Amino acid sequence: MGYSRANSAKAENAASGTTLTCQIAVTAGDLIVAGFTCGGADTTCTFSDDAGNSWAEDIHNHNAADGVLVSIGSARAATTGTITVTATLGTARDYRKLMEANYPGAPTTNWKDKTASNNPTGANPTCGPVTPDTDGELIVAVARNTSGVTYAPGGSFQEREEGATMEGQLQDLIQGTAASISSQWTAASAVHTTAMVTYRPLITTTEEVVRRTVTVRGA
């Protein structure tokens, strides 16, 4: 059993503040991934929700040269329903954006695999490469700039959310066979702040037996 796409949502607020919330409908067992961006100096970023799911910040990338923070966090939904996810900063920041997506097919533990970050200058930024350790991993990436440049997904990535009034985008890819990969965007020249996380899928007992059998036979 691998990942599939479900819902996505976003919230934006240009004013300075320490919290930003966004609602999303989830099903028990979904992996919920949140991408947060803001302007200003570096500060802590934590994620939580009103359903009591256990969140972790999976990657934190602050680009001091451009004054941009990008953070990605995740949790596994324990129940079905519409939940409110909150991103909380240690210090108030402006131009905050919270983008979310949920994915059926998450394991119960240890879903985070590889991470990467990159702060490139120029057109068509990338983040990575990384090589997932499992077939069928979900790859989620976030990009942000302060130049008003919009993003389109590059390669086989699909856009899930992009800001209507503030630069920033969340995109994903569900990889078939594990192989080296970089997140790619089509965008005009700017200073970009990017981050990427790969997530292991749920592997059923039957799939694990088949995988181990193939591995032994191919050894």
N, C-alpha and C. Protein backbone atom coordinates (compact mmCIF):
# COMPACT_ATOMS: atom_id res chain seq x y z
N MET A 1 0.85 -1.20 0.00
CA MET A 1 0.00 0.00 0.00
C MET A 1 0.88 1.24 0.00
N GLY A 2 0.71 2.12 -0.97
CA GLY A 2 1.50 3.33 -1.05
C GLY A 2 0.66 4.56 -0.77
N TYR A 3 1.30 5.71 -0.92
CA TYR A 3 0.61 6.96 -0.69
C TYR A 3 -0.33 7.31 -1.85
N SER A 4 -1.36 8.09 -1.53
CA SER A 4 -2.21 8.72 -2.53
C SER A 4 -2.52 10.12 -2.04
N ARG A 5 -2.96 10.99 -2.95
CA ARG A 5 -3.26 12.37 -2.59
C ARG A 5 -4.70 12.50 -2.11
N ALA A 6 -4.92 13.37 -1.13
CA ALA A 6 -6.27 13.65 -0.64
C ALA A 6 -6.52 15.15 -0.74
N ASN A 7 -6.59 15.84 0.39
CA ASN A 7 -6.97 17.25 0.40
C ASN A 7 -5.75 18.16 0.56
N SER A 8 -5.97 19.44 0.30
CA SER A 8 -4.96 20.45 0.59
C SER A 8 -5.67 21.75 0.97
N ALA A 9 -4.94 22.62 1.66
CA ALA A 9 -5.52 23.89 2.11
C ALA A 9 -4.39 24.86 2.41
N LYS A 10 -4.74 26.15 2.55
CA LYS A 10 -3.72 27.15 2.87
C LYS A 10 -4.35 28.31 3.63
N ALA A 11 -3.49 29.04 4.34
CA ALA A 11 -3.89 30.27 5.02
C ALA A 11 -2.72 31.24 4.92
N GLU A 12 -3.03 32.54 4.84
CA GLU A 12 -2.00 33.56 4.70
C GLU A 12 -2.35 34.76 5.57
N ASN A 13 -1.30 35.42 6.08
CA ASN A 13 -1.52 36.66 6.82
C ASN A 13 -0.25 37.49 6.71
N ALA A 14 -0.36 38.67 6.12
CA ALA A 14 0.80 39.53 5.93
C ALA A 14 1.19 40.26 7.21
N ALA A 15 0.25 40.39 8.15
CA ALA A 15 0.53 41.10 9.40
C ALA A 15 1.46 40.28 10.29
N SER A 16 2.14 40.96 11.19
CA SER A 16 3.04 40.28 12.12
C SER A 16 2.23 39.52 13.17
N GLY A 17 2.69 38.32 13.52
CA GLY A 17 2.01 37.50 14.52
C GLY A 17 2.82 36.27 14.84
N THR A 18 2.38 35.53 15.85
CA THR A 18 3.10 34.33 16.26
C THR A 18 2.38 33.05 15.89
N THR A 19 1.09 33.11 15.52
CA THR A 19 0.37 31.89 15.17
C THR A 19 -0.40 32.09 13.88
N LEU A 20 -0.57 30.98 13.16
CA LEU A 20 -1.40 30.96 11.97
C LEU A 20 -2.08 29.61 11.90
N THR A 21 -3.38 29.61 11.62
CA THR A 21 -4.16 28.38 11.62
C THR A 21 -4.75 28.11 10.24
N CYS A 22 -5.03 26.82 9.99
CA CYS A 22 -5.64 26.42 8.73
C CYS A 22 -6.37 25.11 8.95
N GLN A 23 -7.58 24.99 8.40
CA GLN A 23 -8.37 23.78 8.56
C GLN A 23 -8.19 22.85 7.37
N ILE A 24 -8.26 21.54 7.64
CA ILE A 24 -8.17 20.54 6.58
C ILE A 24 -8.93 19.30 7.01
N ALA A 25 -9.61 18.66 6.07
CA ALA A 25 -10.35 17.42 6.35
C ALA A 25 -9.41 16.24 6.17
N VAL A 26 -9.35 15.37 7.19
CA VAL A 26 -8.44 14.23 7.17
C VAL A 26 -9.19 12.95 7.51
N THR A 27 -8.59 11.82 7.18
CA THR A 27 -9.09 10.50 7.53
C THR A 27 -8.08 9.83 8.44
N ALA A 28 -8.56 9.09 9.40
CA ALA A 28 -7.66 8.41 10.33
C ALA A 28 -6.63 7.59 9.56
N GLY A 29 -5.36 7.75 9.93
CA GLY A 29 -4.27 7.07 9.26
C GLY A 29 -3.56 7.89 8.21
N ASP A 30 -4.14 9.07 7.85
CA ASP A 30 -3.48 9.94 6.88
C ASP A 30 -2.20 10.52 7.45
N LEU A 31 -1.23 10.73 6.58
CA LEU A 31 -0.10 11.58 6.91
C LEU A 31 -0.49 13.02 6.58
N ILE A 32 -0.36 13.91 7.55
CA ILE A 32 -0.63 15.34 7.35
C ILE A 32 0.71 16.05 7.27
N VAL A 33 0.93 16.79 6.20
CA VAL A 33 2.18 17.52 6.02
C VAL A 33 1.85 19.01 5.92
N ALA A 34 2.57 19.81 6.70
CA ALA A 34 2.35 21.26 6.70
C ALA A 34 3.64 21.96 6.31
N GLY A 35 3.53 22.91 5.38
CA GLY A 35 4.65 23.75 5.02
C GLY A 35 4.37 25.17 5.47
N PHE A 36 5.32 25.76 6.19
CA PHE A 36 5.13 27.12 6.72
C PHE A 36 6.26 28.00 6.23
N THR A 37 5.94 29.24 5.87
CA THR A 37 6.96 30.22 5.51
C THR A 37 6.61 31.57 6.13
N CYS A 38 7.65 32.35 6.39
CA CYS A 38 7.45 33.72 6.88
C CYS A 38 8.70 34.53 6.57
N GLY A 39 8.61 35.83 6.81
CA GLY A 39 9.74 36.71 6.61
C GLY A 39 10.42 37.03 7.93
N GLY A 40 11.61 37.64 7.83
CA GLY A 40 12.30 38.11 9.03
C GLY A 40 13.43 37.22 9.50
N ALA A 41 13.94 37.55 10.70
CA ALA A 41 15.04 36.79 11.29
C ALA A 41 14.57 35.39 11.70
N ASP A 42 15.51 34.51 11.94
CA ASP A 42 15.18 33.14 12.30
C ASP A 42 14.45 33.09 13.65
N THR A 43 13.55 32.15 13.78
CA THR A 43 12.84 31.90 15.02
C THR A 43 12.34 30.47 15.02
N THR A 44 11.94 29.96 16.17
CA THR A 44 11.44 28.59 16.23
C THR A 44 10.07 28.49 15.56
N CYS A 45 9.77 27.29 15.07
CA CYS A 45 8.47 27.02 14.46
C CYS A 45 8.01 25.65 14.92
N THR A 46 6.84 25.59 15.51
CA THR A 46 6.26 24.32 15.93
C THR A 46 4.87 24.17 15.34
N PHE A 47 4.44 22.92 15.20
CA PHE A 47 3.13 22.61 14.63
C PHE A 47 2.30 21.85 15.65
N SER A 48 0.98 22.05 15.61
CA SER A 48 0.05 21.34 16.48
C SER A 48 -1.31 21.35 15.82
N ASP A 49 -2.27 20.61 16.39
CA ASP A 49 -3.65 20.69 15.90
C ASP A 49 -4.62 20.44 17.05
N ASP A 50 -5.89 20.72 16.77
CA ASP A 50 -6.90 20.62 17.83
C ASP A 50 -7.42 19.20 18.01
N ALA A 51 -6.84 18.22 17.28
CA ALA A 51 -7.22 16.83 17.46
C ALA A 51 -6.22 16.07 18.32
N GLY A 52 -5.17 16.75 18.77
CA GLY A 52 -4.19 16.13 19.64
C GLY A 52 -3.19 15.23 18.94
N ASN A 53 -3.06 15.34 17.61
CA ASN A 53 -2.07 14.54 16.90
C ASN A 53 -0.66 15.00 17.26
N SER A 54 0.28 14.08 17.20
CA SER A 54 1.66 14.36 17.60
C SER A 54 2.46 14.85 16.39
N TRP A 55 2.85 16.12 16.43
CA TRP A 55 3.55 16.75 15.32
C TRP A 55 5.06 16.83 15.57
N ALA A 56 5.81 16.84 14.48
CA ALA A 56 7.25 17.08 14.54
C ALA A 56 7.62 18.04 13.42
N GLU A 57 8.55 18.95 13.70
CA GLU A 57 9.12 19.76 12.64
C GLU A 57 10.19 18.92 11.95
N ASP A 58 10.00 18.64 10.68
CA ASP A 58 10.89 17.73 9.96
C ASP A 58 12.11 18.43 9.37
N ILE A 59 11.97 19.68 8.99
CA ILE A 59 13.12 20.45 8.49
C ILE A 59 12.85 21.93 8.72
N HIS A 60 13.92 22.67 8.99
CA HIS A 60 13.85 24.10 9.30
C HIS A 60 14.98 24.77 8.54
N ASN A 61 14.63 25.65 7.61
CA ASN A 61 15.65 26.32 6.80
C ASN A 61 15.41 27.82 6.83
N HIS A 62 16.37 28.54 7.44
CA HIS A 62 16.29 30.01 7.45
C HIS A 62 17.37 30.56 6.53
N ASN A 63 16.95 31.40 5.59
CA ASN A 63 17.85 32.05 4.66
C ASN A 63 18.12 33.46 5.17
N ALA A 64 19.22 33.63 5.88
CA ALA A 64 19.52 34.92 6.49
C ALA A 64 19.75 36.00 5.45
N ALA A 65 20.27 35.63 4.29
CA ALA A 65 20.57 36.61 3.26
C ALA A 65 19.31 37.26 2.71
N ASP A 66 18.19 36.52 2.72
CA ASP A 66 16.94 37.06 2.16
C ASP A 66 15.86 37.24 3.22
N GLY A 67 16.15 36.86 4.47
CA GLY A 67 15.17 37.03 5.53
C GLY A 67 13.93 36.20 5.34
N VAL A 68 14.10 34.90 5.05
CA VAL A 68 12.97 34.00 4.82
C VAL A 68 13.17 32.71 5.61
N LEU A 69 12.10 32.25 6.24
CA LEU A 69 12.08 30.97 6.94
C LEU A 69 11.14 30.02 6.22
N VAL A 70 11.60 28.78 6.02
CA VAL A 70 10.77 27.71 5.48
C VAL A 70 10.85 26.53 6.44
N SER A 71 9.70 26.00 6.82
CA SER A 71 9.64 24.87 7.74
C SER A 71 8.61 23.87 7.23
N ILE A 72 8.90 22.58 7.40
CA ILE A 72 7.97 21.51 7.04
C ILE A 72 7.79 20.61 8.25
N GLY A 73 6.52 20.31 8.60
CA GLY A 73 6.22 19.42 9.71
C GLY A 73 5.22 18.37 9.31
N SER A 74 5.09 17.33 10.13
CA SER A 74 4.16 16.25 9.79
C SER A 74 3.59 15.61 11.03
N ALA A 75 2.44 14.95 10.84
CA ALA A 75 1.77 14.18 11.90
C ALA A 75 0.92 13.12 11.24
N ARG A 76 0.58 12.09 11.99
CA ARG A 76 -0.34 11.06 11.50
C ARG A 76 -1.69 11.27 12.16
N ALA A 77 -2.75 11.34 11.34
CA ALA A 77 -4.08 11.60 11.86
C ALA A 77 -4.59 10.39 12.64
N ALA A 78 -5.02 10.62 13.87
CA ALA A 78 -5.55 9.54 14.70
C ALA A 78 -7.04 9.33 14.48
N THR A 79 -7.73 10.38 14.03
CA THR A 79 -9.18 10.31 13.86
C THR A 79 -9.58 10.95 12.54
N THR A 80 -10.83 10.71 12.14
CA THR A 80 -11.37 11.29 10.92
C THR A 80 -12.16 12.56 11.25
N GLY A 81 -12.00 13.59 10.43
CA GLY A 81 -12.76 14.81 10.63
C GLY A 81 -12.00 16.01 10.12
N THR A 82 -12.57 17.19 10.32
CA THR A 82 -11.91 18.44 9.95
C THR A 82 -11.14 18.95 11.16
N ILE A 83 -9.84 19.15 10.97
CA ILE A 83 -8.99 19.60 12.07
C ILE A 83 -8.42 20.97 11.75
N THR A 84 -7.99 21.67 12.79
CA THR A 84 -7.34 22.96 12.65
C THR A 84 -5.87 22.80 13.02
N VAL A 85 -5.01 23.03 12.05
CA VAL A 85 -3.57 22.96 12.27
C VAL A 85 -3.05 24.36 12.59
N THR A 86 -2.15 24.44 13.56
CA THR A 86 -1.57 25.72 13.97
C THR A 86 -0.06 25.68 13.84
N ALA A 87 0.50 26.69 13.20
CA ALA A 87 1.94 26.92 13.20
C ALA A 87 2.23 28.03 14.20
N THR A 88 3.13 27.77 15.14
CA THR A 88 3.44 28.73 16.21
C THR A 88 4.91 29.13 16.14
N LEU A 89 5.16 30.43 16.11
CA LEU A 89 6.51 30.96 16.05
C LEU A 89 6.97 31.40 17.43
N GLY A 90 8.28 31.34 17.65
CA GLY A 90 8.84 31.81 18.91
C GLY A 90 8.78 33.31 19.04
N THR A 91 8.86 34.01 17.91
CA THR A 91 8.81 35.47 17.86
C THR A 91 7.92 35.88 16.70
N ALA A 92 7.14 36.93 16.87
CA ALA A 92 6.22 37.37 15.83
C ALA A 92 6.95 37.70 14.54
N ARG A 93 6.38 37.24 13.44
CA ARG A 93 6.93 37.50 12.11
C ARG A 93 5.79 37.85 11.15
N ASP A 94 6.14 38.51 10.05
CA ASP A 94 5.12 38.90 9.07
C ASP A 94 5.17 38.00 7.84
N TYR A 95 4.25 38.25 6.94
CA TYR A 95 4.14 37.49 5.69
C TYR A 95 4.15 35.98 5.93
N ARG A 96 3.24 35.57 6.81
CA ARG A 96 3.15 34.16 7.19
C ARG A 96 2.22 33.40 6.23
N LYS A 97 2.65 32.19 5.90
CA LYS A 97 1.86 31.34 5.03
C LYS A 97 1.92 29.90 5.57
N LEU A 98 0.75 29.25 5.68
CA LEU A 98 0.64 27.86 6.12
C LEU A 98 -0.07 27.08 5.03
N MET A 99 0.61 26.08 4.49
CA MET A 99 0.07 25.24 3.41
C MET A 99 0.06 23.79 3.88
N GLU A 100 -1.04 23.08 3.64
CA GLU A 100 -1.20 21.73 4.18
C GLU A 100 -1.68 20.78 3.08
N ALA A 101 -1.34 19.51 3.26
CA ALA A 101 -1.87 18.45 2.41
C ALA A 101 -1.88 17.16 3.22
N ASN A 102 -2.83 16.28 2.92
CA ASN A 102 -2.87 15.00 3.64
C ASN A 102 -2.88 13.85 2.65
N TYR A 103 -2.34 12.71 3.13
CA TYR A 103 -2.07 11.58 2.24
C TYR A 103 -2.39 10.27 2.94
N PRO A 104 -3.37 9.51 2.44
CA PRO A 104 -3.56 8.14 2.94
C PRO A 104 -2.33 7.30 2.63
N GLY A 105 -2.04 6.32 3.50
CA GLY A 105 -0.95 5.40 3.24
C GLY A 105 0.26 5.59 4.12
N ALA A 106 0.09 6.21 5.31
CA ALA A 106 1.23 6.46 6.19
C ALA A 106 1.46 5.30 7.15
N PRO A 107 2.71 4.99 7.46
CA PRO A 107 2.99 4.02 8.51
C PRO A 107 2.64 4.61 9.88
N THR A 108 2.58 3.78 10.89
CA THR A 108 2.20 4.26 12.23
C THR A 108 3.34 5.00 12.91
N THR A 109 4.59 4.70 12.55
CA THR A 109 5.76 5.37 13.12
C THR A 109 6.84 5.50 12.05
N ASN A 110 7.84 6.33 12.34
CA ASN A 110 9.07 6.37 11.55
C ASN A 110 8.81 6.67 10.07
N TRP A 111 7.93 7.63 9.79
CA TRP A 111 7.62 7.92 8.38
C TRP A 111 8.63 8.87 7.74
N LYS A 112 9.27 9.72 8.52
CA LYS A 112 10.23 10.66 7.91
C LYS A 112 11.49 9.92 7.50
N ASP A 113 11.95 10.20 6.26
CA ASP A 113 13.17 9.58 5.77
C ASP A 113 14.24 10.64 5.53
N LYS A 114 14.34 11.19 4.33
CA LYS A 114 15.42 12.10 3.98
C LYS A 114 14.95 13.56 3.98
N THR A 115 15.89 14.48 4.18
CA THR A 115 15.60 15.91 4.12
C THR A 115 16.68 16.62 3.31
N ALA A 116 16.32 17.78 2.78
CA ALA A 116 17.28 18.62 2.06
C ALA A 116 16.81 20.06 2.13
N SER A 117 17.75 20.99 2.01
CA SER A 117 17.42 22.41 1.91
C SER A 117 18.42 23.07 0.98
N ASN A 118 18.00 24.19 0.40
CA ASN A 118 18.85 24.89 -0.55
C ASN A 118 18.36 26.31 -0.68
N ASN A 119 19.29 27.26 -0.82
CA ASN A 119 18.93 28.66 -0.98
C ASN A 119 19.58 29.21 -2.25
N PRO A 120 19.11 28.78 -3.42
CA PRO A 120 19.76 29.16 -4.66
C PRO A 120 19.33 30.55 -5.14
N THR A 121 20.20 31.17 -5.91
CA THR A 121 19.90 32.44 -6.59
C THR A 121 19.86 32.19 -8.09
N GLY A 122 18.81 32.66 -8.74
CA GLY A 122 18.67 32.47 -10.18
C GLY A 122 17.31 31.93 -10.53
N ALA A 123 17.16 31.47 -11.76
CA ALA A 123 15.89 30.92 -12.23
C ALA A 123 15.85 29.41 -11.99
N ASN A 124 14.63 28.88 -11.95
CA ASN A 124 14.39 27.43 -11.89
C ASN A 124 15.16 26.75 -10.77
N PRO A 125 14.84 27.08 -9.52
CA PRO A 125 15.58 26.52 -8.38
C PRO A 125 15.33 25.02 -8.21
N THR A 126 16.26 24.39 -7.51
CA THR A 126 16.13 22.98 -7.14
C THR A 126 16.50 22.81 -5.68
N CYS A 127 16.10 21.67 -5.13
CA CYS A 127 16.44 21.32 -3.75
C CYS A 127 16.78 19.83 -3.73
N GLY A 128 17.92 19.47 -3.22
CA GLY A 128 18.38 18.10 -3.22
C GLY A 128 19.72 18.01 -3.92
N PRO A 129 20.11 16.80 -4.35
CA PRO A 129 19.31 15.57 -4.38
C PRO A 129 19.38 14.77 -3.09
N VAL A 130 18.39 13.89 -2.94
CA VAL A 130 18.40 12.87 -1.90
C VAL A 130 17.98 11.55 -2.56
N THR A 131 18.30 10.45 -1.90
CA THR A 131 17.88 9.14 -2.39
C THR A 131 17.04 8.46 -1.30
N PRO A 132 15.72 8.37 -1.48
CA PRO A 132 14.87 7.69 -0.50
C PRO A 132 15.32 6.23 -0.32
N ASP A 133 15.08 5.69 0.86
CA ASP A 133 15.52 4.32 1.13
C ASP A 133 14.44 3.28 0.86
N THR A 134 13.23 3.74 0.43
CA THR A 134 12.12 2.81 0.21
C THR A 134 11.39 3.19 -1.07
N ASP A 135 10.94 2.21 -1.84
CA ASP A 135 10.09 2.48 -3.00
C ASP A 135 8.78 3.12 -2.54
N GLY A 136 8.21 3.97 -3.38
CA GLY A 136 6.90 4.53 -3.11
C GLY A 136 6.87 5.67 -2.12
N GLU A 137 8.00 6.33 -1.88
CA GLU A 137 8.00 7.41 -0.90
C GLU A 137 7.31 8.67 -1.44
N LEU A 138 6.73 9.41 -0.49
CA LEU A 138 6.14 10.72 -0.76
C LEU A 138 7.22 11.77 -0.58
N ILE A 139 7.33 12.67 -1.54
CA ILE A 139 8.32 13.75 -1.48
C ILE A 139 7.57 15.07 -1.48
N VAL A 140 7.77 15.86 -0.43
CA VAL A 140 7.08 17.15 -0.29
C VAL A 140 8.14 18.24 -0.23
N ALA A 141 7.92 19.31 -0.99
CA ALA A 141 8.89 20.41 -1.04
C ALA A 141 8.17 21.75 -0.99
N VAL A 142 8.84 22.72 -0.38
CA VAL A 142 8.30 24.08 -0.24
C VAL A 142 9.35 25.07 -0.74
N ALA A 143 8.90 26.10 -1.46
CA ALA A 143 9.78 27.17 -1.93
C ALA A 143 9.16 28.52 -1.62
N ARG A 144 10.03 29.51 -1.42
CA ARG A 144 9.58 30.87 -1.09
C ARG A 144 10.59 31.88 -1.60
N ASN A 145 10.13 33.05 -1.99
CA ASN A 145 11.02 34.15 -2.35
C ASN A 145 10.37 35.47 -1.93
N THR A 146 11.13 36.55 -2.01
CA THR A 146 10.60 37.86 -1.61
C THR A 146 10.54 38.81 -2.81
N SER A 147 10.59 38.26 -4.03
CA SER A 147 10.65 39.09 -5.23
C SER A 147 9.36 39.08 -6.04
N GLY A 148 8.31 38.46 -5.51
CA GLY A 148 7.05 38.39 -6.24
C GLY A 148 7.05 37.37 -7.35
N VAL A 149 8.01 36.46 -7.34
CA VAL A 149 8.12 35.44 -8.38
C VAL A 149 7.22 34.26 -8.02
N THR A 150 6.39 33.84 -8.97
CA THR A 150 5.53 32.69 -8.75
C THR A 150 6.22 31.40 -9.18
N TYR A 151 5.71 30.29 -8.66
CA TYR A 151 6.32 28.98 -8.91
C TYR A 151 5.37 28.09 -9.70
N ALA A 152 5.95 27.29 -10.58
CA ALA A 152 5.25 26.19 -11.22
C ALA A 152 6.06 24.93 -10.96
N PRO A 153 5.41 23.80 -10.76
CA PRO A 153 6.16 22.58 -10.46
C PRO A 153 7.02 22.14 -11.64
N GLY A 154 8.22 21.65 -11.33
CA GLY A 154 9.11 21.15 -12.35
C GLY A 154 9.18 19.64 -12.33
N GLY A 155 9.63 19.05 -13.42
CA GLY A 155 9.73 17.60 -13.49
C GLY A 155 8.36 16.95 -13.33
N SER A 156 8.30 15.92 -12.48
CA SER A 156 7.05 15.19 -12.25
C SER A 156 6.31 15.67 -11.01
N PHE A 157 6.75 16.75 -10.40
CA PHE A 157 6.09 17.25 -9.20
C PHE A 157 4.74 17.86 -9.54
N GLN A 158 3.83 17.83 -8.56
CA GLN A 158 2.51 18.44 -8.70
C GLN A 158 2.33 19.52 -7.63
N GLU A 159 1.81 20.66 -8.05
CA GLU A 159 1.54 21.73 -7.08
C GLU A 159 0.31 21.39 -6.26
N ARG A 160 0.41 21.59 -4.94
CA ARG A 160 -0.74 21.41 -4.07
C ARG A 160 -1.31 22.74 -3.62
N GLU A 161 -0.45 23.69 -3.26
CA GLU A 161 -0.92 25.02 -2.85
C GLU A 161 0.13 26.06 -3.21
N GLU A 162 -0.36 27.26 -3.59
CA GLU A 162 0.52 28.41 -3.80
C GLU A 162 -0.20 29.65 -3.32
N GLY A 163 0.56 30.59 -2.79
CA GLY A 163 -0.02 31.79 -2.23
C GLY A 163 -0.67 32.66 -3.28
N ALA A 164 -1.80 33.24 -2.92
CA ALA A 164 -2.50 34.14 -3.84
C ALA A 164 -1.89 35.53 -3.82
N THR A 165 -1.39 35.96 -2.68
CA THR A 165 -0.87 37.32 -2.57
C THR A 165 0.57 37.34 -2.06
N MET A 166 1.09 36.24 -1.57
CA MET A 166 2.46 36.16 -1.07
C MET A 166 3.16 34.98 -1.72
N GLU A 167 4.41 35.19 -2.08
CA GLU A 167 5.16 34.16 -2.77
C GLU A 167 5.32 32.93 -1.85
N GLY A 168 5.24 31.76 -2.43
CA GLY A 168 5.43 30.53 -1.68
C GLY A 168 4.58 29.43 -2.26
N GLN A 169 5.12 28.21 -2.28
CA GLN A 169 4.42 27.11 -2.92
C GLN A 169 4.79 25.80 -2.25
N LEU A 170 3.82 24.87 -2.19
CA LEU A 170 4.03 23.51 -1.71
C LEU A 170 3.71 22.55 -2.85
N GLN A 171 4.63 21.63 -3.14
CA GLN A 171 4.42 20.66 -4.21
C GLN A 171 4.85 19.27 -3.72
N ASP A 172 4.41 18.25 -4.46
CA ASP A 172 4.73 16.89 -4.04
C ASP A 172 4.94 15.97 -5.23
N LEU A 173 5.47 14.81 -4.94
CA LEU A 173 5.69 13.75 -5.91
C LEU A 173 5.65 12.43 -5.15
N ILE A 174 4.95 11.44 -5.71
CA ILE A 174 4.96 10.09 -5.14
C ILE A 174 5.84 9.24 -6.05
N GLN A 175 7.00 8.87 -5.52
CA GLN A 175 8.00 8.18 -6.33
C GLN A 175 7.68 6.69 -6.42
N GLY A 176 7.85 6.11 -7.61
CA GLY A 176 7.63 4.68 -7.78
C GLY A 176 8.78 3.87 -7.21
N THR A 177 9.92 3.91 -7.86
CA THR A 177 11.11 3.20 -7.43
C THR A 177 12.08 4.18 -6.80
N ALA A 178 12.63 3.84 -5.66
CA ALA A 178 13.56 4.73 -4.96
C ALA A 178 14.76 5.04 -5.84
N ALA A 179 15.03 6.32 -6.01
CA ALA A 179 16.16 6.78 -6.82
C ALA A 179 16.49 8.21 -6.43
N SER A 180 17.69 8.64 -6.74
CA SER A 180 18.11 10.01 -6.44
C SER A 180 17.16 11.01 -7.10
N ILE A 181 16.77 12.03 -6.32
CA ILE A 181 15.80 13.00 -6.83
C ILE A 181 16.02 14.36 -6.19
N SER A 182 15.78 15.40 -6.97
CA SER A 182 15.75 16.78 -6.49
C SER A 182 14.38 17.36 -6.77
N SER A 183 13.90 18.19 -5.87
CA SER A 183 12.69 18.95 -6.17
C SER A 183 13.05 20.05 -7.16
N GLN A 184 12.16 20.26 -8.12
CA GLN A 184 12.41 21.25 -9.17
C GLN A 184 11.23 22.21 -9.28
N TRP A 185 11.55 23.45 -9.56
CA TRP A 185 10.52 24.46 -9.81
C TRP A 185 10.85 25.22 -11.09
N THR A 186 9.82 25.66 -11.78
CA THR A 186 9.96 26.60 -12.87
C THR A 186 9.62 27.98 -12.33
N ALA A 187 10.61 28.87 -12.30
CA ALA A 187 10.42 30.19 -11.70
C ALA A 187 11.45 31.15 -12.27
N ALA A 188 11.10 32.43 -12.27
CA ALA A 188 12.02 33.46 -12.74
C ALA A 188 13.15 33.65 -11.74
N SER A 189 14.12 34.41 -12.14
CA SER A 189 15.30 34.63 -11.30
C SER A 189 14.92 35.37 -10.01
N ALA A 190 15.43 34.86 -8.89
CA ALA A 190 15.19 35.45 -7.58
C ALA A 190 16.11 34.74 -6.59
N VAL A 191 16.09 35.20 -5.34
CA VAL A 191 16.71 34.44 -4.25
C VAL A 191 15.62 33.52 -3.70
N HIS A 192 15.83 32.23 -3.77
CA HIS A 192 14.83 31.25 -3.36
C HIS A 192 15.26 30.56 -2.07
N THR A 193 14.28 30.27 -1.23
CA THR A 193 14.52 29.49 -0.01
C THR A 193 13.69 28.22 -0.13
N THR A 194 14.33 27.05 -0.07
CA THR A 194 13.62 25.80 -0.33
C THR A 194 13.93 24.75 0.74
N ALA A 195 13.02 23.81 0.87
CA ALA A 195 13.20 22.67 1.77
C ALA A 195 12.41 21.49 1.22
N MET A 196 12.87 20.28 1.53
CA MET A 196 12.23 19.07 1.01
C MET A 196 12.36 17.95 2.03
N VAL A 197 11.32 17.14 2.13
CA VAL A 197 11.31 15.97 3.01
C VAL A 197 10.73 14.79 2.24
N THR A 198 11.30 13.59 2.44
CA THR A 198 10.70 12.38 1.88
C THR A 198 10.13 11.54 3.02
N TYR A 199 9.01 10.88 2.73
CA TYR A 199 8.28 10.14 3.76
C TYR A 199 8.07 8.68 3.32
N ARG A 200 8.41 7.75 4.21
CA ARG A 200 8.24 6.33 3.93
C ARG A 200 6.75 5.97 3.90
N PRO A 201 6.35 5.06 3.01
CA PRO A 201 4.95 4.63 2.94
C PRO A 201 4.66 3.48 3.89
N LEU A 202 3.38 3.23 4.10
CA LEU A 202 2.95 2.05 4.83
C LEU A 202 3.21 0.83 3.96
N ILE A 203 3.87 -0.18 4.53
CA ILE A 203 4.13 -1.43 3.82
C ILE A 203 3.38 -2.53 4.54
N THR A 204 2.48 -3.19 3.84
CA THR A 204 1.69 -4.27 4.45
C THR A 204 2.56 -5.50 4.65
N THR A 205 2.06 -6.43 5.46
CA THR A 205 2.81 -7.65 5.73
C THR A 205 3.10 -8.41 4.43
N THR A 206 2.11 -8.49 3.55
CA THR A 206 2.30 -9.19 2.27
C THR A 206 3.36 -8.51 1.44
N GLU A 207 3.33 -7.17 1.37
CA GLU A 207 4.32 -6.44 0.60
C GLU A 207 5.72 -6.64 1.16
N GLU A 208 5.84 -6.70 2.48
CA GLU A 208 7.15 -6.88 3.11
C GLU A 208 7.69 -8.27 2.81
N VAL A 209 6.82 -9.29 2.83
CA VAL A 209 7.26 -10.65 2.51
C VAL A 209 7.75 -10.71 1.07
N VAL A 210 7.01 -10.10 0.15
CA VAL A 210 7.41 -10.10 -1.25
C VAL A 210 8.73 -9.38 -1.43
N ARG A 211 8.88 -8.22 -0.78
CA ARG A 211 10.10 -7.44 -0.92
C ARG A 211 11.30 -8.21 -0.41
N ARG A 212 11.16 -8.86 0.73
CA ARG A 212 12.28 -9.62 1.29
C ARG A 212 12.61 -10.84 0.43
N THR A 213 11.59 -11.46 -0.15
CA THR A 213 11.82 -12.62 -1.02
C THR A 213 12.59 -12.22 -2.26
N VAL A 214 12.19 -11.10 -2.88
CA VAL A 214 12.88 -10.60 -4.06
C VAL A 214 14.31 -10.23 -3.74
N THR A 215 14.51 -9.61 -2.56
CA THR A 215 15.86 -9.22 -2.16
C THR A 215 16.76 -10.43 -1.99
N VAL A 216 16.25 -11.47 -1.32
CA VAL A 216 17.06 -12.68 -1.09
C VAL A 216 17.39 -13.36 -2.40
N ARG A 217 16.42 -13.49 -3.28
CA ARG A 217 16.64 -14.14 -4.56
C ARG A 217 17.61 -13.37 -5.45
N GLY A 218 17.59 -12.06 -5.29
CA GLY A 218 18.47 -11.24 -6.12
C GLY A 218 19.85 -11.05 -5.54
N ALA A 219 20.07 -11.54 -4.31
CA ALA A 219 21.36 -11.35 -3.65
C ALA A 219 22.48 -12.13 -4.33
